[in-house]
Amino acid sequence: MKNIILSILLALTFIGCSSQSDENKNVEPKLVVGKSLADLHLKDQFGKEHSLNADTYKVIFAFDKEPAHTCNDFFNTQKPTYLQNHHVQFVADVSAAPSLIRSLFILPGLKDFKHVVLLLDDKKVAAPYRKGIDTTKIVVVTLLNKKITDIKTISTTEQLKKAVEDESAMSYIAPVINKVMDSVDNATK
């Protein structure tokens, strides 16, 4: 009986961890310069629904375990408002993990963080964001009026800090433009 239960658990683990998926083949990539992220609506680690903030200038994506750990470890050493103060939002893709692993280990661990972690927790939702992207790295997406103007991949904590604490003129101007454009868009609806 023990062998049967162990075999079933192993089979479920390997089925759930399969990285070969047809979901990514016939999707249109979302992370492309010129495309809009206005339709990005995700839940955070506490189940609260979020969309892009009006003044968001950058979105940091972590698609795999290693980049997610790099981001979370760094963000957790900062003030709780660190990302907001720099007009940045953070998205972690947990869709590849089996749902049992997500619910028992990943989500409870994320609830310990003081920063907001937006979650891609469904493979079909995550597939367009993963398409054509180096998922082994941290992906930094720069926005203007919720449209992608630049995409960079980085690997280290130092690069992450530099990307978030951007001191360029656009890092000051873009959030203001984004907020104004968002209020104009909302006024015309």
C-alpha atoms as a PDB file:
ATOM      1  CA  MET A   1       0.000   0.000   0.000  1.00  0.00           C
ATOM      2  CA  LYS A   2       2.848   2.384   0.843  1.00  0.00           C
ATOM      3  CA  ASN A   3       4.432   1.728  -2.551  1.00  0.00           C
ATOM      4  CA  ILE A   4       1.181   2.511  -4.373  1.00  0.00           C
ATOM      5  CA  ILE A   5       0.723   5.815  -2.519  1.00  0.00           C
ATOM      6  CA  LEU A   6       4.374   6.724  -3.067  1.00  0.00           C
ATOM      7  CA  SER A   7       4.074   5.917  -6.782  1.00  0.00           C
ATOM      8  CA  ILE A   8       0.968   8.078  -7.136  1.00  0.00           C
ATOM      9  CA  LEU A   9       2.631  11.000  -5.333  1.00  0.00           C
ATOM     10  CA  LEU A  10       5.735  10.725  -7.513  1.00  0.00           C
ATOM     11  CA  ALA A  11       3.639  10.545 -10.678  1.00  0.00           C
ATOM     12  CA  LEU A  12       1.633  13.614  -9.659  1.00  0.00           C
ATOM     13  CA  THR A  13       4.820  15.487  -8.836  1.00  0.00           C
ATOM     14  CA  PHE A  14       6.382  14.760 -12.217  1.00  0.00           C
ATOM     15  CA  ILE A  15       3.172  15.534 -14.100  1.00  0.00           C
ATOM     16  CA  GLY A  16       2.799  18.827 -12.223  1.00  0.00           C
ATOM     17  CA  CYS A  17       6.436  19.813 -12.807  1.00  0.00           C
ATOM     18  CA  SER A  18       6.443  19.132 -16.530  1.00  0.00           C
ATOM     19  CA  SER A  19       8.003  22.098 -18.292  1.00  0.00           C
ATOM     20  CA  GLN A  20       6.992  20.922 -21.745  1.00  0.00           C
ATOM     21  CA  SER A  21       3.751  22.718 -22.402  1.00  0.00           C
ATOM     22  CA  ASP A  22       1.660  23.447 -25.464  1.00  0.00           C
ATOM     23  CA  GLU A  23       0.216  26.560 -23.774  1.00  0.00           C
ATOM     24  CA  ASN A  24       3.167  28.706 -24.838  1.00  0.00           C
ATOM     25  CA  LYS A  25       3.118  27.735 -28.522  1.00  0.00           C
ATOM     26  CA  ASN A  26       0.070  29.537 -29.897  1.00  0.00           C
ATOM     27  CA  VAL A  27       0.048  32.682 -27.788  1.00  0.00           C
ATOM     28  CA  GLU A  28       0.940  36.196 -28.779  1.00  0.00           C
ATOM     29  CA  PRO A  29       3.720  37.634 -26.606  1.00  0.00           C
ATOM     30  CA  LYS A  30       2.684  40.437 -24.254  1.00  0.00           C
ATOM     31  CA  LEU A  31       6.137  41.732 -23.347  1.00  0.00           C
ATOM     32  CA  VAL A  32       6.976  43.490 -26.598  1.00  0.00           C
ATOM     33  CA  VAL A  33       8.059  47.117 -27.023  1.00  0.00           C
ATOM     34  CA  GLY A  34       5.031  49.146 -28.116  1.00  0.00           C
ATOM     35  CA  LYS A  35       2.417  46.866 -26.533  1.00  0.00           C
ATOM     36  CA  SER A  36       0.217  48.014 -23.675  1.00  0.00           C
ATOM     37  CA  LEU A  37       0.098  46.490 -20.223  1.00  0.00           C
ATOM     38  CA  ALA A  38      -3.098  48.375 -19.325  1.00  0.00           C
ATOM     39  CA  ASP A  39      -4.941  45.046 -19.088  1.00  0.00           C
ATOM     40  CA  LEU A  40      -2.568  43.641 -16.466  1.00  0.00           C
ATOM     41  CA  HIS A  41      -4.809  42.622 -13.552  1.00  0.00           C
ATOM     42  CA  LEU A  42      -3.325  40.216 -11.014  1.00  0.00           C
ATOM     43  CA  LYS A  43      -3.847  39.202  -7.414  1.00  0.00           C
ATOM     44  CA  ASP A  44      -1.145  39.759  -4.822  1.00  0.00           C
ATOM     45  CA  GLN A  45       0.126  37.259  -2.259  1.00  0.00           C
ATOM     46  CA  PHE A  46      -2.894  38.032  -0.058  1.00  0.00           C
ATOM     47  CA  GLY A  47      -5.474  37.538  -2.822  1.00  0.00           C
ATOM     48  CA  LYS A  48      -6.136  41.265  -3.344  1.00  0.00           C
ATOM     49  CA  GLU A  49      -6.757  42.273  -6.982  1.00  0.00           C
ATOM     50  CA  HIS A  50      -4.368  44.844  -8.509  1.00  0.00           C
ATOM     51  CA  SER A  51      -3.905  46.596 -11.816  1.00  0.00           C
ATOM     52  CA  LEU A  52      -1.042  48.843 -12.842  1.00  0.00           C
ATOM     53  CA  ASN A  53      -0.823  51.932 -10.674  1.00  0.00           C
ATOM     54  CA  ALA A  54      -1.432  55.147 -12.578  1.00  0.00           C
ATOM     55  CA  ASP A  55       2.159  56.299 -12.038  1.00  0.00           C
ATOM     56  CA  THR A  56       3.924  52.964 -12.665  1.00  0.00           C
ATOM     57  CA  TYR A  57       7.147  53.510 -14.586  1.00  0.00           C
ATOM     58  CA  LYS A  58       8.631  50.020 -14.376  1.00  0.00           C
ATOM     59  CA  VAL A  59       7.375  46.494 -13.878  1.00  0.00           C
ATOM     60  CA  ILE A  60       9.835  43.877 -12.667  1.00  0.00           C
ATOM     61  CA  PHE A  61       9.025  40.298 -13.722  1.00  0.00           C
ATOM     62  CA  ALA A  62      10.531  37.165 -12.174  1.00  0.00           C
ATOM     63  CA  PHE A  63       9.514  34.047 -14.079  1.00  0.00           C
ATOM     64  CA  ASP A  64      11.711  31.426 -12.434  1.00  0.00           C
ATOM     65  CA  LYS A  65      12.696  30.528  -8.887  1.00  0.00           C
ATOM     66  CA  GLU A  66      16.206  32.042  -8.901  1.00  0.00           C
ATOM     67  CA  PRO A  67      15.242  35.522 -10.213  1.00  0.00           C
ATOM     68  CA  ALA A  68      12.248  35.561  -7.844  1.00  0.00           C
ATOM     69  CA  HIS A  69      14.484  34.811  -4.865  1.00  0.00           C
ATOM     70  CA  THR A  70      16.925  37.545  -5.936  1.00  0.00           C
ATOM     71  CA  CYS A  71      14.090  40.082  -6.167  1.00  0.00           C
ATOM     72  CA  ASN A  72      12.263  39.086  -2.992  1.00  0.00           C
ATOM     73  CA  ASP A  73      15.445  38.874  -0.941  1.00  0.00           C
ATOM     74  CA  PHE A  74      16.442  42.379  -2.040  1.00  0.00           C
ATOM     75  CA  PHE A  75      12.976  43.963  -1.750  1.00  0.00           C
ATOM     76  CA  ASN A  76      12.514  42.473   1.696  1.00  0.00           C
ATOM     77  CA  THR A  77      15.563  44.404   2.950  1.00  0.00           C
ATOM     78  CA  GLN A  78      13.981  47.699   1.875  1.00  0.00           C
ATOM     79  CA  LYS A  79      11.188  49.817   3.344  1.00  0.00           C
ATOM     80  CA  PRO A  80       7.667  48.495   2.659  1.00  0.00           C
ATOM     81  CA  THR A  81       7.038  51.499   0.355  1.00  0.00           C
ATOM     82  CA  TYR A  82      10.304  51.062  -1.583  1.00  0.00           C
ATOM     83  CA  LEU A  83       8.679  49.877  -4.816  1.00  0.00           C
ATOM     84  CA  GLN A  84       5.879  52.451  -4.644  1.00  0.00           C
ATOM     85  CA  ASN A  85       8.349  55.268  -3.965  1.00  0.00           C
ATOM     86  CA  HIS A  86      10.196  54.351  -7.152  1.00  0.00           C
ATOM     87  CA  HIS A  87       7.006  53.814  -9.217  1.00  0.00           C
ATOM     88  CA  VAL A  88       7.740  50.115  -9.660  1.00  0.00           C
ATOM     89  CA  GLN A  89       5.537  47.032  -9.427  1.00  0.00           C
ATOM     90  CA  PHE A  90       6.787  43.467  -9.010  1.00  0.00           C
ATOM     91  CA  VAL A  91       5.300  40.385 -10.699  1.00  0.00           C
ATOM     92  CA  ALA A  92       6.328  36.827  -9.835  1.00  0.00           C
ATOM     93  CA  ASP A  93       5.317  33.849 -11.966  1.00  0.00           C
ATOM     94  CA  VAL A  94       4.422  30.893  -9.765  1.00  0.00           C
ATOM     95  CA  SER A  95       2.343  29.139 -12.413  1.00  0.00           C
ATOM     96  CA  ALA A  96       4.899  26.408 -13.130  1.00  0.00           C
ATOM     97  CA  ALA A  97       4.742  25.053  -9.586  1.00  0.00           C
ATOM     98  CA  PRO A  98       2.159  22.364  -8.899  1.00  0.00           C
ATOM     99  CA  SER A  99      -0.882  23.808  -7.136  1.00  0.00           C
ATOM    100  CA  LEU A 100      -0.217  21.751  -4.006  1.00  0.00           C
ATOM    101  CA  ILE A 101       3.327  23.174  -3.739  1.00  0.00           C
ATOM    102  CA  ARG A 102       1.996  26.692  -4.409  1.00  0.00           C
ATOM    103  CA  SER A 103      -0.667  26.498  -1.727  1.00  0.00           C
ATOM    104  CA  LEU A 104       1.418  24.723   0.931  1.00  0.00           C
ATOM    105  CA  PHE A 105       4.805  26.392   0.524  1.00  0.00           C
ATOM    106  CA  ILE A 106       5.065  29.263  -1.982  1.00  0.00           C
ATOM    107  CA  LEU A 107       2.041  31.399  -1.044  1.00  0.00           C
ATOM    108  CA  PRO A 108       2.556  31.154   2.735  1.00  0.00           C
ATOM    109  CA  GLY A 109       6.209  32.131   2.198  1.00  0.00           C
ATOM    110  CA  LEU A 110       5.227  35.137   0.083  1.00  0.00           C
ATOM    111  CA  LYS A 111       2.883  36.386   2.805  1.00  0.00           C
ATOM    112  CA  ASP A 112       5.922  37.030   4.992  1.00  0.00           C
ATOM    113  CA  PHE A 113       7.160  39.749   2.619  1.00  0.00           C
ATOM    114  CA  LYS A 114       6.347  43.378   3.345  1.00  0.00           C
ATOM    115  CA  HIS A 115       6.350  44.332  -0.348  1.00  0.00           C
ATOM    116  CA  VAL A 116       3.499  43.605  -2.767  1.00  0.00           C
ATOM    117  CA  VAL A 117       4.070  40.598  -5.019  1.00  0.00           C
ATOM    118  CA  LEU A 118       1.665  40.375  -7.950  1.00  0.00           C
ATOM    119  CA  LEU A 119       1.235  36.758  -8.991  1.00  0.00           C
ATOM    120  CA  LEU A 120       0.991  35.013 -12.318  1.00  0.00           C
ATOM    121  CA  ASP A 121      -0.491  31.812 -10.932  1.00  0.00           C
ATOM    122  CA  ASP A 122      -2.148  30.335 -14.004  1.00  0.00           C
ATOM    123  CA  LYS A 123      -0.121  28.821 -16.859  1.00  0.00           C
ATOM    124  CA  LYS A 124      -2.484  30.136 -19.545  1.00  0.00           C
ATOM    125  CA  VAL A 125      -2.324  33.673 -18.135  1.00  0.00           C
ATOM    126  CA  ALA A 126       1.461  33.492 -17.710  1.00  0.00           C
ATOM    127  CA  ALA A 127       2.211  32.056 -21.169  1.00  0.00           C
ATOM    128  CA  PRO A 128       1.924  35.344 -23.134  1.00  0.00           C
ATOM    129  CA  TYR A 129       4.209  37.094 -20.634  1.00  0.00           C
ATOM    130  CA  ARG A 130       6.804  34.301 -20.846  1.00  0.00           C
ATOM    131  CA  LYS A 131       6.751  34.023 -24.648  1.00  0.00           C
ATOM    132  CA  GLY A 132      10.024  35.187 -26.193  1.00  0.00           C
ATOM    133  CA  ILE A 133      11.519  36.212 -22.831  1.00  0.00           C
ATOM    134  CA  ASP A 134      14.639  34.884 -21.124  1.00  0.00           C
ATOM    135  CA  THR A 135      12.828  33.531 -18.069  1.00  0.00           C
ATOM    136  CA  THR A 136      16.080  32.672 -16.281  1.00  0.00           C
ATOM    137  CA  LYS A 137      16.732  36.381 -15.684  1.00  0.00           C
ATOM    138  CA  ILE A 138      14.942  39.275 -14.020  1.00  0.00           C
ATOM    139  CA  VAL A 139      12.958  41.163 -16.657  1.00  0.00           C
ATOM    140  CA  VAL A 140      12.640  44.941 -16.286  1.00  0.00           C
ATOM    141  CA  VAL A 141       9.862  46.500 -18.363  1.00  0.00           C
ATOM    142  CA  THR A 142       9.755  50.287 -18.692  1.00  0.00           C
ATOM    143  CA  LEU A 143       6.397  51.957 -19.365  1.00  0.00           C
ATOM    144  CA  LEU A 144       5.051  55.246 -20.602  1.00  0.00           C
ATOM    145  CA  ASN A 145       1.267  55.595 -20.416  1.00  0.00           C
ATOM    146  CA  LYS A 146       1.151  51.830 -19.693  1.00  0.00           C
ATOM    147  CA  LYS A 147       2.866  51.072 -23.017  1.00  0.00           C
ATOM    148  CA  ILE A 148       6.160  49.223 -23.076  1.00  0.00           C
ATOM    149  CA  THR A 149       9.052  51.451 -24.130  1.00  0.00           C
ATOM    150  CA  ASP A 150      11.944  49.192 -23.129  1.00  0.00           C
ATOM    151  CA  ILE A 151      12.665  45.647 -21.942  1.00  0.00           C
ATOM    152  CA  LYS A 152      15.917  44.651 -20.245  1.00  0.00           C
ATOM    153  CA  THR A 153      17.092  41.495 -18.537  1.00  0.00           C
ATOM    154  CA  ILE A 154      19.318  41.599 -15.485  1.00  0.00           C
ATOM    155  CA  SER A 155      20.720  39.041 -13.064  1.00  0.00           C
ATOM    156  CA  THR A 156      22.241  40.589  -9.959  1.00  0.00           C
ATOM    157  CA  THR A 157      21.016  42.432  -6.900  1.00  0.00           C
ATOM    158  CA  GLU A 158      23.192  45.411  -7.861  1.00  0.00           C
ATOM    159  CA  GLN A 159      21.580  45.588 -11.311  1.00  0.00           C
ATOM    160  CA  LEU A 160      18.142  45.284  -9.711  1.00  0.00           C
ATOM    161  CA  LYS A 161      18.846  48.129  -7.306  1.00  0.00           C
ATOM    162  CA  LYS A 162      20.113  50.305 -10.160  1.00  0.00           C
ATOM    163  CA  ALA A 163      17.030  49.515 -12.270  1.00  0.00           C
ATOM    164  CA  VAL A 164      14.635  50.372  -9.444  1.00  0.00           C
ATOM    165  CA  GLU A 165      16.517  53.422  -8.178  1.00  0.00           C
ATOM    166  CA  ASP A 166      16.780  54.867 -11.681  1.00  0.00           C
ATOM    167  CA  GLU A 167      18.011  58.468 -11.487  1.00  0.00           C
ATOM    168  CA  SER A 168      17.398  59.359 -15.138  1.00  0.00           C
ATOM    169  CA  ALA A 169      15.244  62.345 -16.055  1.00  0.00           C
ATOM    170  CA  MET A 170      12.577  59.967 -17.390  1.00  0.00           C
ATOM    171  CA  SER A 171      12.279  58.281 -14.000  1.00  0.00           C
ATOM    172  CA  TYR A 172      10.965  61.593 -12.670  1.00  0.00           C
ATOM    173  CA  ILE A 173       8.995  62.713 -15.712  1.00  0.00           C
ATOM    174  CA  ALA A 174       7.342  59.426 -16.764  1.00  0.00           C
ATOM    175  CA  PRO A 175       5.390  58.798 -13.528  1.00  0.00           C
ATOM    176  CA  VAL A 176       3.897  62.299 -13.772  1.00  0.00           C
ATOM    177  CA  ILE A 177       3.010  61.798 -17.455  1.00  0.00           C
ATOM    178  CA  ASN A 178       1.581  58.359 -16.653  1.00  0.00           C
ATOM    179  CA  LYS A 179      -0.615  59.747 -13.877  1.00  0.00           C
ATOM    180  CA  VAL A 180      -1.896  62.619 -16.043  1.00  0.00           C
ATOM    181  CA  MET A 181      -2.612  60.292 -18.985  1.00  0.00           C
ATOM    182  CA  ASP A 182      -4.420  57.873 -16.672  1.00  0.00           C
ATOM    183  CA  SER A 183      -6.662  60.649 -15.314  1.00  0.00           C
ATOM    184  CA  VAL A 184      -7.375  61.813 -18.897  1.00  0.00           C
ATOM    185  CA  ASP A 185      -8.224  58.249 -19.928  1.00  0.00           C
ATOM    186  CA  ASN A 186     -10.515  57.834 -16.907  1.00  0.00           C
ATOM    187  CA  ALA A 187     -12.222  61.180 -17.580  1.00  0.00           C
ATOM    188  CA  THR A 188     -13.061  60.174 -21.164  1.00  0.00           C
ATOM    189  CA  LYS A 189     -14.631  56.847 -20.139  1.00  0.00           C
END
